[in-house]
Amino acid sequence: GVRAKLDEELAEFDAERAPHDGAAVDTQGLHEELGDVLFSTVNLARHLGLDPEAALRDANRRFEARFRHMEAQAAGQGVDVHNADLDTLNALWEQAKRDLAR
């Protein structure tokens, strides 16, 4: 079905992304496979009766709100998000998700 096609396209994307004997990544191949993933995602949304464009807009709004919250929390803790390590950023992000889910 539609979901199986998305899984198939994700597997093809992962295969294209995997290193090939130390050779450079084929960005054109990645570009094409990512396009297929996006196309399949849109098809899944439509199959479920969802508006993929509205869903993406909402996801972007949530991301922006979480990021602003994360920056404010970091500043309050004396953390510079531009120089923070990945563990710190992940902890701040997860806290922002929890705080804004309320």
N, C-alpha and C. Protein backbone atom coordinates (compact mmCIF):
# COMPACT_ATOMS: atom_id res chain seq x y z
N GLY A 1 0.82 -1.20 0.00
CA GLY A 1 0.00 0.00 0.00
C GLY A 1 0.85 1.25 0.00
N VAL A 2 0.21 2.34 0.33
CA VAL A 2 0.87 3.64 0.30
C VAL A 2 1.99 3.72 1.34
N ARG A 3 1.74 3.20 2.54
CA ARG A 3 2.76 3.23 3.58
C ARG A 3 3.95 2.35 3.20
N ALA A 4 3.69 1.21 2.61
CA ALA A 4 4.77 0.32 2.18
C ALA A 4 5.65 1.01 1.14
N LYS A 5 5.04 1.80 0.27
CA LYS A 5 5.80 2.54 -0.74
C LYS A 5 6.73 3.55 -0.08
N LEU A 6 6.24 4.23 0.96
CA LEU A 6 7.08 5.17 1.68
C LEU A 6 8.26 4.44 2.32
N ASP A 7 8.00 3.30 2.94
CA ASP A 7 9.08 2.51 3.54
C ASP A 7 10.11 2.10 2.48
N GLU A 8 9.61 1.71 1.32
CA GLU A 8 10.50 1.32 0.22
C GLU A 8 11.38 2.50 -0.20
N GLU A 9 10.78 3.67 -0.34
CA GLU A 9 11.54 4.85 -0.76
C GLU A 9 12.56 5.25 0.31
N LEU A 10 12.19 5.12 1.58
CA LEU A 10 13.14 5.42 2.66
C LEU A 10 14.32 4.45 2.62
N ALA A 11 14.06 3.19 2.34
CA ALA A 11 15.13 2.20 2.24
C ALA A 11 16.06 2.53 1.07
N GLU A 12 15.48 2.97 -0.04
CA GLU A 12 16.30 3.35 -1.20
C GLU A 12 17.14 4.59 -0.88
N PHE A 13 16.56 5.53 -0.14
CA PHE A 13 17.31 6.72 0.28
C PHE A 13 18.48 6.31 1.17
N ASP A 14 18.21 5.43 2.14
CA ASP A 14 19.27 4.97 3.04
C ASP A 14 20.37 4.24 2.28
N ALA A 15 19.99 3.44 1.30
CA ALA A 15 20.98 2.72 0.50
C ALA A 15 21.85 3.69 -0.30
N GLU A 16 21.24 4.73 -0.81
CA GLU A 16 21.98 5.74 -1.58
C GLU A 16 22.92 6.52 -0.67
N ARG A 17 22.51 6.70 0.55
CA ARG A 17 23.28 7.49 1.51
C ARG A 17 24.45 6.71 2.10
N ALA A 18 24.33 5.39 2.10
CA ALA A 18 25.38 4.55 2.70
C ALA A 18 26.70 4.76 1.95
N PRO A 19 27.80 4.72 2.69
CA PRO A 19 29.11 4.89 2.03
C PRO A 19 29.38 3.77 1.02
N HIS A 20 30.02 4.15 -0.05
CA HIS A 20 30.36 3.19 -1.11
C HIS A 20 31.88 3.11 -1.24
N ASP A 21 32.49 2.23 -0.45
CA ASP A 21 33.94 2.01 -0.50
C ASP A 21 34.72 3.31 -0.37
N GLY A 22 34.27 4.20 0.49
CA GLY A 22 34.99 5.45 0.71
C GLY A 22 34.80 6.48 -0.38
N ALA A 23 34.00 6.16 -1.39
CA ALA A 23 33.77 7.11 -2.48
C ALA A 23 32.90 8.26 -2.00
N ALA A 24 32.97 9.35 -2.71
CA ALA A 24 32.14 10.52 -2.39
C ALA A 24 30.67 10.17 -2.55
N VAL A 25 29.85 10.81 -1.75
CA VAL A 25 28.41 10.60 -1.83
C VAL A 25 27.88 11.19 -3.13
N ASP A 26 27.00 10.45 -3.78
CA ASP A 26 26.37 10.90 -5.02
C ASP A 26 25.21 11.83 -4.66
N THR A 27 25.47 13.15 -4.68
CA THR A 27 24.43 14.08 -4.26
C THR A 27 23.25 14.08 -5.23
N GLN A 28 23.47 13.81 -6.49
CA GLN A 28 22.36 13.74 -7.44
C GLN A 28 21.46 12.56 -7.09
N GLY A 29 22.07 11.43 -6.77
CA GLY A 29 21.29 10.27 -6.37
C GLY A 29 20.51 10.53 -5.10
N LEU A 30 21.15 11.18 -4.12
CA LEU A 30 20.46 11.53 -2.88
C LEU A 30 19.30 12.49 -3.16
N HIS A 31 19.55 13.45 -4.01
CA HIS A 31 18.53 14.42 -4.40
C HIS A 31 17.31 13.70 -4.97
N GLU A 32 17.55 12.78 -5.87
CA GLU A 32 16.45 12.04 -6.50
C GLU A 32 15.71 11.17 -5.48
N GLU A 33 16.46 10.48 -4.63
CA GLU A 33 15.81 9.60 -3.65
C GLU A 33 15.03 10.41 -2.62
N LEU A 34 15.57 11.56 -2.21
CA LEU A 34 14.83 12.41 -1.27
C LEU A 34 13.54 12.91 -1.92
N GLY A 35 13.61 13.27 -3.18
CA GLY A 35 12.40 13.66 -3.89
C GLY A 35 11.36 12.56 -3.88
N ASP A 36 11.80 11.33 -4.07
CA ASP A 36 10.87 10.19 -4.03
C ASP A 36 10.26 10.01 -2.64
N VAL A 37 11.07 10.21 -1.60
CA VAL A 37 10.56 10.12 -0.22
C VAL A 37 9.50 11.19 0.02
N LEU A 38 9.80 12.41 -0.40
CA LEU A 38 8.84 13.50 -0.21
C LEU A 38 7.55 13.24 -0.98
N PHE A 39 7.68 12.79 -2.21
CA PHE A 39 6.50 12.50 -3.03
C PHE A 39 5.65 11.41 -2.37
N SER A 40 6.30 10.37 -1.87
CA SER A 40 5.57 9.28 -1.22
C SER A 40 4.91 9.75 0.08
N THR A 41 5.57 10.66 0.78
CA THR A 41 4.99 11.21 2.01
C THR A 41 3.73 12.01 1.70
N VAL A 42 3.78 12.80 0.65
CA VAL A 42 2.59 13.56 0.22
C VAL A 42 1.47 12.60 -0.15
N ASN A 43 1.80 11.54 -0.87
CA ASN A 43 0.78 10.56 -1.24
C ASN A 43 0.16 9.91 -0.01
N LEU A 44 0.97 9.60 1.00
CA LEU A 44 0.45 9.02 2.23
C LEU A 44 -0.51 9.99 2.92
N ALA A 45 -0.12 11.25 3.00
CA ALA A 45 -0.99 12.25 3.62
C ALA A 45 -2.33 12.33 2.90
N ARG A 46 -2.28 12.39 1.60
CA ARG A 46 -3.53 12.48 0.83
C ARG A 46 -4.37 11.22 1.01
N HIS A 47 -3.72 10.08 1.05
CA HIS A 47 -4.43 8.81 1.26
C HIS A 47 -5.17 8.81 2.60
N LEU A 48 -4.58 9.49 3.59
CA LEU A 48 -5.18 9.57 4.93
C LEU A 48 -6.17 10.74 5.06
N GLY A 49 -6.37 11.47 3.97
CA GLY A 49 -7.29 12.60 4.00
C GLY A 49 -6.72 13.83 4.67
N LEU A 50 -5.41 13.93 4.70
CA LEU A 50 -4.73 15.07 5.33
C LEU A 50 -4.19 16.00 4.26
N ASP A 51 -4.05 17.26 4.62
CA ASP A 51 -3.47 18.26 3.73
C ASP A 51 -1.97 18.32 4.03
N PRO A 52 -1.12 17.79 3.15
CA PRO A 52 0.31 17.73 3.45
C PRO A 52 0.94 19.11 3.61
N GLU A 53 0.46 20.09 2.85
CA GLU A 53 1.01 21.43 2.96
C GLU A 53 0.69 22.04 4.32
N ALA A 54 -0.55 21.87 4.78
CA ALA A 54 -0.94 22.38 6.10
C ALA A 54 -0.16 21.66 7.20
N ALA A 55 0.04 20.37 7.04
CA ALA A 55 0.80 19.61 8.04
C ALA A 55 2.23 20.11 8.13
N LEU A 56 2.84 20.42 6.98
CA LEU A 56 4.20 20.92 6.97
C LEU A 56 4.27 22.32 7.58
N ARG A 57 3.30 23.17 7.26
CA ARG A 57 3.26 24.51 7.87
C ARG A 57 3.16 24.40 9.40
N ASP A 58 2.28 23.51 9.88
CA ASP A 58 2.13 23.32 11.32
C ASP A 58 3.42 22.80 11.95
N ALA A 59 4.08 21.88 11.27
CA ALA A 59 5.35 21.34 11.79
C ALA A 59 6.40 22.45 11.88
N ASN A 60 6.44 23.31 10.86
CA ASN A 60 7.38 24.43 10.89
C ASN A 60 7.08 25.38 12.04
N ARG A 61 5.79 25.66 12.27
CA ARG A 61 5.41 26.54 13.40
C ARG A 61 5.83 25.93 14.73
N ARG A 62 5.59 24.62 14.89
CA ARG A 62 6.00 23.95 16.13
C ARG A 62 7.52 24.00 16.31
N PHE A 63 8.24 23.76 15.22
CA PHE A 63 9.70 23.80 15.28
C PHE A 63 10.18 25.18 15.72
N GLU A 64 9.64 26.22 15.08
CA GLU A 64 10.06 27.59 15.41
C GLU A 64 9.76 27.92 16.86
N ALA A 65 8.57 27.56 17.34
CA ALA A 65 8.21 27.83 18.73
C ALA A 65 9.13 27.08 19.68
N ARG A 66 9.40 25.83 19.38
CA ARG A 66 10.29 25.04 20.24
C ARG A 66 11.70 25.61 20.24
N PHE A 67 12.17 26.02 19.07
CA PHE A 67 13.53 26.55 19.00
C PHE A 67 13.64 27.86 19.77
N ARG A 68 12.65 28.75 19.63
CA ARG A 68 12.66 30.01 20.39
C ARG A 68 12.65 29.71 21.89
N HIS A 69 11.81 28.76 22.30
CA HIS A 69 11.74 28.37 23.71
C HIS A 69 13.08 27.80 24.17
N MET A 70 13.67 26.97 23.34
CA MET A 70 14.96 26.37 23.67
C MET A 70 16.03 27.46 23.84
N GLU A 71 16.04 28.44 22.94
CA GLU A 71 17.01 29.53 23.04
C GLU A 71 16.82 30.32 24.33
N ALA A 72 15.56 30.59 24.68
CA ALA A 72 15.27 31.34 25.91
C ALA A 72 15.71 30.55 27.14
N GLN A 73 15.41 29.26 27.15
CA GLN A 73 15.81 28.41 28.28
C GLN A 73 17.34 28.37 28.38
N ALA A 74 18.00 28.24 27.25
CA ALA A 74 19.46 28.18 27.24
C ALA A 74 20.04 29.48 27.78
N ALA A 75 19.52 30.61 27.31
CA ALA A 75 20.02 31.90 27.77
C ALA A 75 19.83 32.04 29.28
N GLY A 76 18.70 31.57 29.78
CA GLY A 76 18.43 31.61 31.22
C GLY A 76 19.39 30.75 32.03
N GLN A 77 19.95 29.75 31.38
CA GLN A 77 20.91 28.86 32.04
C GLN A 77 22.36 29.24 31.74
N GLY A 78 22.53 30.34 30.98
CA GLY A 78 23.88 30.78 30.61
C GLY A 78 24.52 29.91 29.55
N VAL A 79 23.70 29.25 28.74
CA VAL A 79 24.21 28.36 27.69
C VAL A 79 24.08 29.06 26.34
N ASP A 80 25.16 29.06 25.58
CA ASP A 80 25.14 29.59 24.21
C ASP A 80 24.81 28.44 23.27
N VAL A 81 23.62 28.48 22.66
CA VAL A 81 23.20 27.36 21.81
C VAL A 81 24.12 27.15 20.61
N HIS A 82 24.84 28.18 20.22
CA HIS A 82 25.73 28.06 19.06
C HIS A 82 27.02 27.31 19.40
N ASN A 83 27.33 27.24 20.69
CA ASN A 83 28.56 26.55 21.11
C ASN A 83 28.29 25.35 22.02
N ALA A 84 27.03 25.05 22.27
CA ALA A 84 26.68 23.95 23.17
C ALA A 84 26.92 22.60 22.50
N ASP A 85 27.22 21.60 23.32
CA ASP A 85 27.41 20.26 22.78
C ASP A 85 26.05 19.63 22.45
N LEU A 86 26.10 18.56 21.70
CA LEU A 86 24.87 17.92 21.22
C LEU A 86 23.99 17.42 22.36
N ASP A 87 24.58 16.88 23.40
CA ASP A 87 23.78 16.39 24.53
C ASP A 87 23.00 17.52 25.19
N THR A 88 23.64 18.67 25.35
CA THR A 88 22.98 19.83 25.95
C THR A 88 21.84 20.31 25.06
N LEU A 89 22.11 20.39 23.76
CA LEU A 89 21.07 20.83 22.82
C LEU A 89 19.89 19.86 22.82
N ASN A 90 20.18 18.58 22.82
CA ASN A 90 19.10 17.59 22.84
C ASN A 90 18.26 17.71 24.11
N ALA A 91 18.91 17.91 25.25
CA ALA A 91 18.18 18.06 26.52
C ALA A 91 17.30 19.30 26.48
N LEU A 92 17.83 20.41 25.97
CA LEU A 92 17.05 21.64 25.85
C LEU A 92 15.87 21.45 24.90
N TRP A 93 16.10 20.74 23.80
CA TRP A 93 15.04 20.49 22.82
C TRP A 93 13.92 19.65 23.42
N GLU A 94 14.29 18.59 24.10
CA GLU A 94 13.28 17.71 24.71
C GLU A 94 12.49 18.46 25.78
N GLN A 95 13.17 19.34 26.53
CA GLN A 95 12.46 20.14 27.53
C GLN A 95 11.49 21.10 26.85
N ALA A 96 11.91 21.71 25.76
CA ALA A 96 11.02 22.62 25.02
C ALA A 96 9.79 21.88 24.52
N LYS A 97 9.98 20.68 24.02
CA LYS A 97 8.84 19.88 23.55
C LYS A 97 7.87 19.61 24.70
N ARG A 98 8.42 19.25 25.86
CA ARG A 98 7.56 18.97 27.02
C ARG A 98 6.84 20.24 27.48
N ASP A 99 7.59 21.33 27.58
CA ASP A 99 7.00 22.58 28.07
C ASP A 99 5.89 23.08 27.16
N LEU A 100 6.08 22.97 25.86
CA LEU A 100 5.10 23.52 24.91
C LEU A 100 3.96 22.56 24.63
N ALA A 101 4.08 21.33 25.07
CA ALA A 101 2.99 20.36 24.89
C ALA A 101 1.87 20.60 25.90
N ARG A 102 2.17 21.36 26.92
CA ARG A 102 1.19 21.61 27.98
C ARG A 102 0.13 22.57 27.54
